[in-house]
Amino acid sequence: ITSLAVLAAFVSDQIVEAWEAGVLFAMYICYVLFMLVNRPLNVWAYELTGTPLNKELREYVQEKRAASGKVEPENVAAETAPEDGAMKKPDEPPKP
């Protein structure tokens, strides 16, 4: 709405000067940059207010976490412990 008001003001005299075109172009660049950070900004706002993320943003957060290379810690101690409670000797490294 703001950009339409600025456009209407600039074309009211039916002439668009170079500086007016520059202002309109700068506003467009600001819009594009804002849209680049739209999802992270939405996630930040949702987390700040404590609002649950919608499905699209949950998927976005999961994709970002998967792409970041960080691995979620797993509890593997219970899986590798022997059933009888005896400690197993670690395997020896291969000999050259």
PDB file of N, CA and C in Angstrom:
ATOM      1  N   ILE A   1       0.834  -1.182   0.000  1.00  0.00           N
ATOM      2  CA  ILE A   1       0.000   0.000   0.000  1.00  0.00           C
ATOM      3  C   ILE A   1       0.879   1.246   0.000  1.00  0.00           C
ATOM      4  N   THR A   2       1.976   1.201   0.748  1.00  0.00           N
ATOM      5  CA  THR A   2       2.871   2.355   0.785  1.00  0.00           C
ATOM      6  C   THR A   2       3.469   2.616  -0.586  1.00  0.00           C
ATOM      7  N   SER A   3       3.896   1.553  -1.254  1.00  0.00           N
ATOM      8  CA  SER A   3       4.508   1.735  -2.568  1.00  0.00           C
ATOM      9  C   SER A   3       3.497   2.287  -3.578  1.00  0.00           C
ATOM     10  N   LEU A   4       2.244   1.871  -3.469  1.00  0.00           N
ATOM     11  CA  LEU A   4       1.221   2.409  -4.366  1.00  0.00           C
ATOM     12  C   LEU A   4       0.981   3.886  -4.094  1.00  0.00           C
ATOM     13  N   ALA A   5       1.002   4.288  -2.832  1.00  0.00           N
ATOM     14  CA  ALA A   5       0.829   5.702  -2.490  1.00  0.00           C
ATOM     15  C   ALA A   5       1.996   6.523  -3.017  1.00  0.00           C
ATOM     16  N   VAL A   6       3.209   6.003  -2.887  1.00  0.00           N
ATOM     17  CA  VAL A   6       4.384   6.717  -3.404  1.00  0.00           C
ATOM     18  C   VAL A   6       4.317   6.802  -4.924  1.00  0.00           C
ATOM     19  N   LEU A   7       3.940   5.711  -5.575  1.00  0.00           N
ATOM     20  CA  LEU A   7       3.798   5.723  -7.036  1.00  0.00           C
ATOM     21  C   LEU A   7       2.751   6.740  -7.476  1.00  0.00           C
ATOM     22  N   ALA A   8       1.618   6.766  -6.791  1.00  0.00           N
ATOM     23  CA  ALA A   8       0.566   7.718  -7.139  1.00  0.00           C
ATOM     24  C   ALA A   8       1.049   9.153  -6.967  1.00  0.00           C
ATOM     25  N   ALA A   9       1.819   9.407  -5.921  1.00  0.00           N
ATOM     26  CA  ALA A   9       2.339  10.755  -5.702  1.00  0.00           C
ATOM     27  C   ALA A   9       3.343  11.138  -6.792  1.00  0.00           C
ATOM     28  N   PHE A  10       4.160  10.174  -7.215  1.00  0.00           N
ATOM     29  CA  PHE A  10       5.180  10.475  -8.221  1.00  0.00           C
ATOM     30  C   PHE A  10       4.584  10.666  -9.613  1.00  0.00           C
ATOM     31  N   VAL A  11       3.514  10.001  -9.942  1.00  0.00           N
ATOM     32  CA  VAL A  11       2.949  10.123 -11.287  1.00  0.00           C
ATOM     33  C   VAL A  11       1.776  11.097 -11.341  1.00  0.00           C
ATOM     34  N   SER A  12       1.534  11.806 -10.247  1.00  0.00           N
ATOM     35  CA  SER A  12       0.405  12.746 -10.244  1.00  0.00           C
ATOM     36  C   SER A  12       0.591  13.870 -11.261  1.00  0.00           C
ATOM     37  N   ASP A  13       1.850  14.219 -11.521  1.00  0.00           N
ATOM     38  CA  ASP A  13       2.106  15.254 -12.535  1.00  0.00           C
ATOM     39  C   ASP A  13       2.360  14.648 -13.916  1.00  0.00           C
ATOM     40  N   GLN A  14       2.178  13.349 -14.068  1.00  0.00           N
ATOM     41  CA  GLN A  14       2.334  12.587 -15.305  1.00  0.00           C
ATOM     42  C   GLN A  14       3.757  12.601 -15.857  1.00  0.00           C
ATOM     43  N   ILE A  15       4.721  12.879 -14.973  1.00  0.00           N
ATOM     44  CA  ILE A  15       6.138  12.833 -15.343  1.00  0.00           C
ATOM     45  C   ILE A  15       6.881  12.142 -14.199  1.00  0.00           C
ATOM     46  N   VAL A  16       7.666  11.144 -14.546  1.00  0.00           N
ATOM     47  CA  VAL A  16       8.489  10.460 -13.549  1.00  0.00           C
ATOM     48  C   VAL A  16       9.932  10.885 -13.785  1.00  0.00           C
ATOM     49  N   GLU A  17      10.484  11.602 -12.810  1.00  0.00           N
ATOM     50  CA  GLU A  17      11.868  12.073 -12.936  1.00  0.00           C
ATOM     51  C   GLU A  17      12.823  10.969 -12.473  1.00  0.00           C
ATOM     52  N   ALA A  18      14.092  11.160 -12.752  1.00  0.00           N
ATOM     53  CA  ALA A  18      15.097  10.137 -12.457  1.00  0.00           C
ATOM     54  C   ALA A  18      15.171   9.842 -10.963  1.00  0.00           C
ATOM     55  N   TRP A  19      15.129  10.846 -10.124  1.00  0.00           N
ATOM     56  CA  TRP A  19      15.230  10.613  -8.686  1.00  0.00           C
ATOM     57  C   TRP A  19      13.991   9.870  -8.171  1.00  0.00           C
ATOM     58  N   GLU A  20      12.834  10.139  -8.778  1.00  0.00           N
ATOM     59  CA  GLU A  20      11.616   9.430  -8.389  1.00  0.00           C
ATOM     60  C   GLU A  20      11.710   7.952  -8.775  1.00  0.00           C
ATOM     61  N   ALA A  21      12.241   7.711  -9.962  1.00  0.00           N
ATOM     62  CA  ALA A  21      12.447   6.332 -10.389  1.00  0.00           C
ATOM     63  C   ALA A  21      13.447   5.634  -9.471  1.00  0.00           C
ATOM     64  N   GLY A  22      14.474   6.362  -9.053  1.00  0.00           N
ATOM     65  CA  GLY A  22      15.452   5.805  -8.128  1.00  0.00           C
ATOM     66  C   GLY A  22      14.837   5.430  -6.790  1.00  0.00           C
ATOM     67  N   VAL A  23      13.937   6.271  -6.294  1.00  0.00           N
ATOM     68  CA  VAL A  23      13.255   5.979  -5.032  1.00  0.00           C
ATOM     69  C   VAL A  23      12.381   4.737  -5.186  1.00  0.00           C
ATOM     70  N   LEU A  24      11.641   4.650  -6.288  1.00  0.00           N
ATOM     71  CA  LEU A  24      10.789   3.488  -6.523  1.00  0.00           C
ATOM     72  C   LEU A  24      11.620   2.204  -6.645  1.00  0.00           C
ATOM     73  N   PHE A  25      12.761   2.297  -7.333  1.00  0.00           N
ATOM     74  CA  PHE A  25      13.632   1.136  -7.476  1.00  0.00           C
ATOM     75  C   PHE A  25      14.219   0.731  -6.123  1.00  0.00           C
ATOM     76  N   ALA A  26      14.614   1.708  -5.319  1.00  0.00           N
ATOM     77  CA  ALA A  26      15.159   1.408  -3.987  1.00  0.00           C
ATOM     78  C   ALA A  26      14.093   0.741  -3.119  1.00  0.00           C
ATOM     79  N   MET A  27      12.853   1.188  -3.240  1.00  0.00           N
ATOM     80  CA  MET A  27      11.765   0.556  -2.496  1.00  0.00           C
ATOM     81  C   MET A  27      11.573  -0.888  -2.951  1.00  0.00           C
ATOM     82  N   TYR A  28      11.719  -1.133  -4.232  1.00  0.00           N
ATOM     83  CA  TYR A  28      11.592  -2.496  -4.757  1.00  0.00           C
ATOM     84  C   TYR A  28      12.720  -3.378  -4.222  1.00  0.00           C
ATOM     85  N   ILE A  29      13.946  -2.881  -4.194  1.00  0.00           N
ATOM     86  CA  ILE A  29      15.087  -3.640  -3.677  1.00  0.00           C
ATOM     87  C   ILE A  29      14.864  -3.961  -2.196  1.00  0.00           C
ATOM     88  N   CYS A  30      14.343  -2.991  -1.437  1.00  0.00           N
ATOM     89  CA  CYS A  30      14.032  -3.247  -0.025  1.00  0.00           C
ATOM     90  C   CYS A  30      12.988  -4.349   0.103  1.00  0.00           C
ATOM     91  N   TYR A  31      12.002  -4.355  -0.758  1.00  0.00           N
ATOM     92  CA  TYR A  31      10.966  -5.395  -0.747  1.00  0.00           C
ATOM     93  C   TYR A  31      11.583  -6.771  -1.018  1.00  0.00           C
ATOM     94  N   VAL A  32      12.441  -6.853  -2.013  1.00  0.00           N
ATOM     95  CA  VAL A  32      13.085  -8.127  -2.352  1.00  0.00           C
ATOM     96  C   VAL A  32      13.932  -8.619  -1.189  1.00  0.00           C
ATOM     97  N   LEU A  33      14.699  -7.726  -0.572  1.00  0.00           N
ATOM     98  CA  LEU A  33      15.527  -8.124   0.568  1.00  0.00           C
ATOM     99  C   LEU A  33      14.668  -8.577   1.739  1.00  0.00           C
ATOM    100  N   PHE A  34      13.552  -7.908   1.959  1.00  0.00           N
ATOM    101  CA  PHE A  34      12.649  -8.317   3.032  1.00  0.00           C
ATOM    102  C   PHE A  34      12.086  -9.704   2.756  1.00  0.00           C
ATOM    103  N   MET A  35      11.745  -9.981   1.515  1.00  0.00           N
ATOM    104  CA  MET A  35      11.192 -11.292   1.187  1.00  0.00           C
ATOM    105  C   MET A  35      12.246 -12.396   1.327  1.00  0.00           C
ATOM    106  N   LEU A  36      13.527 -12.062   1.179  1.00  0.00           N
ATOM    107  CA  LEU A  36      14.584 -13.052   1.374  1.00  0.00           C
ATOM    108  C   LEU A  36      14.666 -13.505   2.830  1.00  0.00           C
ATOM    109  N   VAL A  37      14.359 -12.616   3.748  1.00  0.00           N
ATOM    110  CA  VAL A  37      14.442 -12.959   5.166  1.00  0.00           C
ATOM    111  C   VAL A  37      13.066 -13.181   5.775  1.00  0.00           C
ATOM    112  N   ASN A  38      12.052 -13.346   4.964  1.00  0.00           N
ATOM    113  CA  ASN A  38      10.690 -13.459   5.450  1.00  0.00           C
ATOM    114  C   ASN A  38      10.488 -14.693   6.334  1.00  0.00           C
ATOM    115  N   ARG A  39      10.896 -15.860   5.872  1.00  0.00           N
ATOM    116  CA  ARG A  39      10.693 -17.077   6.673  1.00  0.00           C
ATOM    117  C   ARG A  39      11.479 -17.047   7.977  1.00  0.00           C
ATOM    118  N   PRO A  40      12.796 -16.737   7.936  1.00  0.00           N
ATOM    119  CA  PRO A  40      13.510 -16.663   9.221  1.00  0.00           C
ATOM    120  C   PRO A  40      12.909 -15.611  10.157  1.00  0.00           C
ATOM    121  N   LEU A  41      12.430 -14.518   9.599  1.00  0.00           N
ATOM    122  CA  LEU A  41      11.803 -13.487  10.413  1.00  0.00           C
ATOM    123  C   LEU A  41      10.494 -13.992  11.016  1.00  0.00           C
ATOM    124  N   ASN A  42       9.734 -14.752  10.256  1.00  0.00           N
ATOM    125  CA  ASN A  42       8.498 -15.351  10.775  1.00  0.00           C
ATOM    126  C   ASN A  42       8.805 -16.327  11.907  1.00  0.00           C
ATOM    127  N   VAL A  43       9.813 -17.168  11.720  1.00  0.00           N
ATOM    128  CA  VAL A  43      10.176 -18.137  12.758  1.00  0.00           C
ATOM    129  C   VAL A  43      10.594 -17.397  14.022  1.00  0.00           C
ATOM    130  N   TRP A  44      11.388 -16.358  13.859  1.00  0.00           N
ATOM    131  CA  TRP A  44      11.841 -15.561  15.002  1.00  0.00           C
ATOM    132  C   TRP A  44      10.653 -14.950  15.737  1.00  0.00           C
ATOM    133  N   ALA A  45       9.703 -14.380  15.002  1.00  0.00           N
ATOM    134  CA  ALA A  45       8.536 -13.752  15.612  1.00  0.00           C
ATOM    135  C   ALA A  45       7.653 -14.780  16.318  1.00  0.00           C
ATOM    136  N   TYR A  46       7.462 -15.930  15.694  1.00  0.00           N
ATOM    137  CA  TYR A  46       6.665 -16.981  16.320  1.00  0.00           C
ATOM    138  C   TYR A  46       7.322 -17.446  17.622  1.00  0.00           C
ATOM    139  N   GLU A  47       8.634 -17.649  17.590  1.00  0.00           N
ATOM    140  CA  GLU A  47       9.329 -18.115  18.785  1.00  0.00           C
ATOM    141  C   GLU A  47       9.351 -17.042  19.866  1.00  0.00           C
ATOM    142  N   LEU A  48       9.462 -15.780  19.473  1.00  0.00           N
ATOM    143  CA  LEU A  48       9.478 -14.678  20.422  1.00  0.00           C
ATOM    144  C   LEU A  48       8.146 -14.572  21.164  1.00  0.00           C
ATOM    145  N   THR A  49       7.066 -14.762  20.446  1.00  0.00           N
ATOM    146  CA  THR A  49       5.739 -14.651  21.056  1.00  0.00           C
ATOM    147  C   THR A  49       5.261 -15.956  21.661  1.00  0.00           C
ATOM    148  N   GLY A  50       5.959 -17.050  21.418  1.00  0.00           N
ATOM    149  CA  GLY A  50       5.558 -18.339  21.958  1.00  0.00           C
ATOM    150  C   GLY A  50       4.424 -18.992  21.189  1.00  0.00           C
ATOM    151  N   THR A  51       4.129 -18.488  20.008  1.00  0.00           N
ATOM    152  CA  THR A  51       3.075 -19.045  19.178  1.00  0.00           C
ATOM    153  C   THR A  51       3.581 -20.314  18.504  1.00  0.00           C
ATOM    154  N   PRO A  52       2.805 -21.384  18.487  1.00  0.00           N
ATOM    155  CA  PRO A  52       3.247 -22.612  17.793  1.00  0.00           C
ATOM    156  C   PRO A  52       3.421 -22.357  16.294  1.00  0.00           C
ATOM    157  N   LEU A  53       4.464 -22.938  15.732  1.00  0.00           N
ATOM    158  CA  LEU A  53       4.730 -22.774  14.302  1.00  0.00           C
ATOM    159  C   LEU A  53       3.687 -23.522  13.488  1.00  0.00           C
ATOM    160  N   ASN A  54       3.320 -22.925  12.355  1.00  0.00           N
ATOM    161  CA  ASN A  54       2.413 -23.642  11.456  1.00  0.00           C
ATOM    162  C   ASN A  54       3.201 -24.713  10.705  1.00  0.00           C
ATOM    163  N   LYS A  55       2.511 -25.540   9.947  1.00  0.00           N
ATOM    164  CA  LYS A  55       3.139 -26.693   9.292  1.00  0.00           C
ATOM    165  C   LYS A  55       4.270 -26.267   8.359  1.00  0.00           C
ATOM    166  N   GLU A  56       4.042 -25.225   7.565  1.00  0.00           N
ATOM    167  CA  GLU A  56       5.061 -24.766   6.611  1.00  0.00           C
ATOM    168  C   GLU A  56       6.323 -24.308   7.325  1.00  0.00           C
ATOM    169  N   LEU A  57       6.175 -23.559   8.408  1.00  0.00           N
ATOM    170  CA  LEU A  57       7.354 -23.084   9.135  1.00  0.00           C
ATOM    171  C   LEU A  57       8.042 -24.207   9.892  1.00  0.00           C
ATOM    172  N   ARG A  58       7.281 -25.188  10.405  1.00  0.00           N
ATOM    173  CA  ARG A  58       7.907 -26.350  11.057  1.00  0.00           C
ATOM    174  C   ARG A  58       8.774 -27.108  10.063  1.00  0.00           C
ATOM    175  N   GLU A  59       8.264 -27.310   8.853  1.00  0.00           N
ATOM    176  CA  GLU A  59       9.035 -28.004   7.821  1.00  0.00           C
ATOM    177  C   GLU A  59      10.281 -27.208   7.454  1.00  0.00           C
ATOM    178  N   TYR A  60      10.142 -25.885   7.375  1.00  0.00           N
ATOM    179  CA  TYR A  60      11.289 -25.026   7.056  1.00  0.00           C
ATOM    180  C   TYR A  60      12.369 -25.152   8.131  1.00  0.00           C
ATOM    181  N   VAL A  61      11.981 -25.126   9.401  1.00  0.00           N
ATOM    182  CA  VAL A  61      12.937 -25.246  10.499  1.00  0.00           C
ATOM    183  C   VAL A  61      13.619 -26.606  10.460  1.00  0.00           C
ATOM    184  N   GLN A  62      12.864 -27.678  10.186  1.00  0.00           N
ATOM    185  CA  GLN A  62      13.457 -29.012  10.105  1.00  0.00           C
ATOM    186  C   GLN A  62      14.454 -29.098   8.959  1.00  0.00           C
ATOM    187  N   GLU A  63      14.130 -28.508   7.817  1.00  0.00           N
ATOM    188  CA  GLU A  63      15.042 -28.513   6.673  1.00  0.00           C
ATOM    189  C   GLU A  63      16.319 -27.746   6.999  1.00  0.00           C
ATOM    190  N   LYS A  64      16.187 -26.611   7.670  1.00  0.00           N
ATOM    191  CA  LYS A  64      17.363 -25.815   8.025  1.00  0.00           C
ATOM    192  C   LYS A  64      18.257 -26.558   9.005  1.00  0.00           C
ATOM    193  N   ARG A  65      17.637 -27.232   9.978  1.00  0.00           N
ATOM    194  CA  ARG A  65      18.437 -27.991  10.942  1.00  0.00           C
ATOM    195  C   ARG A  65      19.148 -29.154  10.270  1.00  0.00           C
ATOM    196  N   ALA A  66      18.476 -29.811   9.331  1.00  0.00           N
ATOM    197  CA  ALA A  66      19.095 -30.932   8.613  1.00  0.00           C
ATOM    198  C   ALA A  66      20.231 -30.442   7.729  1.00  0.00           C
ATOM    199  N   ALA A  67      20.068 -29.274   7.133  1.00  0.00           N
ATOM    200  CA  ALA A  67      21.086 -28.740   6.227  1.00  0.00           C
ATOM    201  C   ALA A  67      22.256 -28.121   6.974  1.00  0.00           C
ATOM    202  N   SER A  68      22.074 -27.806   8.246  1.00  0.00           N
ATOM    203  CA  SER A  68      23.149 -27.142   8.991  1.00  0.00           C
ATOM    204  C   SER A  68      24.281 -28.103   9.346  1.00  0.00           C
ATOM    205  N   GLY A  69      24.036 -29.388   9.242  1.00  0.00           N
ATOM    206  CA  GLY A  69      25.069 -30.362   9.540  1.00  0.00           C
ATOM    207  C   GLY A  69      25.115 -30.740  11.007  1.00  0.00           C
ATOM    208  N   LYS A  70      24.276 -30.108  11.820  1.00  0.00           N
ATOM    209  CA  LYS A  70      24.244 -30.463  13.229  1.00  0.00           C
ATOM    210  C   LYS A  70      23.452 -31.749  13.394  1.00  0.00           C
ATOM    211  N   VAL A  71      23.976 -32.619  14.219  1.00  0.00           N
ATOM    212  CA  VAL A  71      23.326 -33.898  14.458  1.00  0.00           C
ATOM    213  C   VAL A  71      22.708 -33.857  15.841  1.00  0.00           C
ATOM    214  N   GLU A  72      21.468 -34.260  15.919  1.00  0.00           N
ATOM    215  CA  GLU A  72      20.795 -34.318  17.212  1.00  0.00           C
ATOM    216  C   GLU A  72      21.409 -35.459  18.026  1.00  0.00           C
ATOM    217  N   PRO A  73      21.663 -35.226  19.311  1.00  0.00           N
ATOM    218  CA  PRO A  73      22.246 -36.290  20.138  1.00  0.00           C
ATOM    219  C   PRO A  73      21.267 -37.438  20.321  1.00  0.00           C
ATOM    220  N   GLU A  74      21.808 -38.625  20.325  1.00  0.00           N
ATOM    221  CA  GLU A  74      20.987 -39.813  20.527  1.00  0.00           C
ATOM    222  C   GLU A  74      21.467 -40.524  21.774  1.00  0.00           C
ATOM    223  N   ASN A  75      20.573 -41.200  22.427  1.00  0.00           N
ATOM    224  CA  ASN A  75      20.924 -41.992  23.596  1.00  0.00           C
ATOM    225  C   ASN A  75      21.242 -43.403  23.122  1.00  0.00           C
ATOM    226  N   VAL A  76      22.515 -43.663  22.878  1.00  0.00           N
ATOM    227  CA  VAL A  76      22.912 -44.965  22.356  1.00  0.00           C
ATOM    228  C   VAL A  76      23.464 -45.875  23.449  1.00  0.00           C
ATOM    229  N   ALA A  77      23.601 -45.374  24.650  1.00  0.00           N
ATOM    230  CA  ALA A  77      24.176 -46.176  25.735  1.00  0.00           C
ATOM    231  C   ALA A  77      23.310 -47.401  26.022  1.00  0.00           C
ATOM    232  N   ALA A  78      22.017 -47.244  25.997  1.00  0.00           N
ATOM    233  CA  ALA A  78      21.131 -48.367  26.290  1.00  0.00           C
ATOM    234  C   ALA A  78      21.175 -49.408  25.180  1.00  0.00           C
ATOM    235  N   GLU A  79      21.404 -48.987  23.967  1.00  0.00           N
ATOM    236  CA  GLU A  79      21.421 -49.921  22.849  1.00  0.00           C
ATOM    237  C   GLU A  79      22.697 -50.743  22.795  1.00  0.00           C
ATOM    238  N   THR A  80      23.836 -50.172  23.244  1.00  0.00           N
ATOM    239  CA  THR A  80      25.116 -50.861  23.112  1.00  0.00           C
ATOM    240  C   THR A  80      25.525 -51.613  24.373  1.00  0.00           C
ATOM    241  N   ALA A  81      24.832 -51.390  25.471  1.00  0.00           N
ATOM    242  CA  ALA A  81      25.201 -52.084  26.711  1.00  0.00           C
ATOM    243  C   ALA A  81      24.820 -53.558  26.600  1.00  0.00           C
ATOM    244  N   PRO A  82      25.694 -54.432  27.031  1.00  0.00           N
ATOM    245  CA  PRO A  82      25.368 -55.856  26.996  1.00  0.00           C
ATOM    246  C   PRO A  82      24.264 -56.169  27.997  1.00  0.00           C
ATOM    247  N   GLU A  83      23.500 -57.206  27.673  1.00  0.00           N
ATOM    248  CA  GLU A  83      22.356 -57.560  28.509  1.00  0.00           C
ATOM    249  C   GLU A  83      22.774 -58.106  29.864  1.00  0.00           C
ATOM    250  N   ASP A  84      23.918 -58.815  29.922  1.00  0.00           N
ATOM    251  CA  ASP A  84      24.326 -59.401  31.190  1.00  0.00           C
ATOM    252  C   ASP A  84      25.067 -58.415  32.084  1.00  0.00           C
ATOM    253  N   GLY A  85      25.309 -57.196  31.607  1.00  0.00           N
ATOM    254  CA  GLY A  85      25.956 -56.169  32.410  1.00  0.00           C
ATOM    255  C   GLY A  85      27.468 -56.217  32.356  1.00  0.00           C
ATOM    256  N   ALA A  86      28.052 -57.222  31.700  1.00  0.00           N
ATOM    257  CA  ALA A  86      29.506 -57.331  31.619  1.00  0.00           C
ATOM    258  C   ALA A  86      30.040 -56.337  30.601  1.00  0.00           C
ATOM    259  N   MET A  87      31.158 -55.759  30.927  1.00  0.00           N
ATOM    260  CA  MET A  87      31.784 -54.807  30.005  1.00  0.00           C
ATOM    261  C   MET A  87      32.553 -55.583  28.949  1.00  0.00           C
ATOM    262  N   LYS A  88      32.409 -55.171  27.718  1.00  0.00           N
ATOM    263  CA  LYS A  88      33.132 -55.819  26.630  1.00  0.00           C
ATOM    264  C   LYS A  88      34.420 -55.068  26.366  1.00  0.00           C
ATOM    265  N   LYS A  89      35.431 -55.805  26.012  1.00  0.00           N
ATOM    266  CA  LYS A  89      36.726 -55.220  25.688  1.00  0.00           C
ATOM    267  C   LYS A  89      36.629 -54.587  24.295  1.00  0.00           C
ATOM    268  N   PRO A  90      37.118 -53.345  24.144  1.00  0.00           N
ATOM    269  CA  PRO A  90      37.016 -52.715  22.816  1.00  0.00           C
ATOM    270  C   PRO A  90      37.826 -53.490  21.775  1.00  0.00           C
ATOM    271  N   ASP A  91      37.348 -53.460  20.568  1.00  0.00           N
ATOM    272  CA  ASP A  91      38.054 -54.149  19.493  1.00  0.00           C
ATOM    273  C   ASP A  91      39.414 -53.512  19.273  1.00  0.00           C
ATOM    274  N   GLU A  92      40.373 -54.350  18.973  1.00  0.00           N
ATOM    275  CA  GLU A  92      41.718 -53.843  18.706  1.00  0.00           C
ATOM    276  C   GLU A  92      41.750 -53.248  17.315  1.00  0.00           C
ATOM    277  N   PRO A  93      42.550 -52.198  17.119  1.00  0.00           N
ATOM    278  CA  PRO A  93      42.660 -51.624  15.782  1.00  0.00           C
ATOM    279  C   PRO A  93      43.339 -52.601  14.845  1.00  0.00           C
ATOM    280  N   PRO A  94      43.051 -52.534  13.566  1.00  0.00           N
ATOM    281  CA  PRO A  94      43.683 -53.458  12.621  1.00  0.00           C
ATOM    282  C   PRO A  94      45.184 -53.212  12.531  1.00  0.00           C
ATOM    283  N   LYS A  95      45.899 -54.297  12.370  1.00  0.00           N
ATOM    284  CA  LYS A  95      47.363 -54.192  12.255  1.00  0.00           C
ATOM    285  C   LYS A  95      47.720 -54.045  10.786  1.00  0.00           C
ATOM    286  N   PRO A  96      48.741 -53.197  10.522  1.00  0.00           N
ATOM    287  CA  PRO A  96      49.126 -52.995   9.114  1.00  0.00           C
ATOM    288  C   PRO A  96      49.804 -54.165   8.479  1.00  0.00           C
TER     289      PRO A  96
END
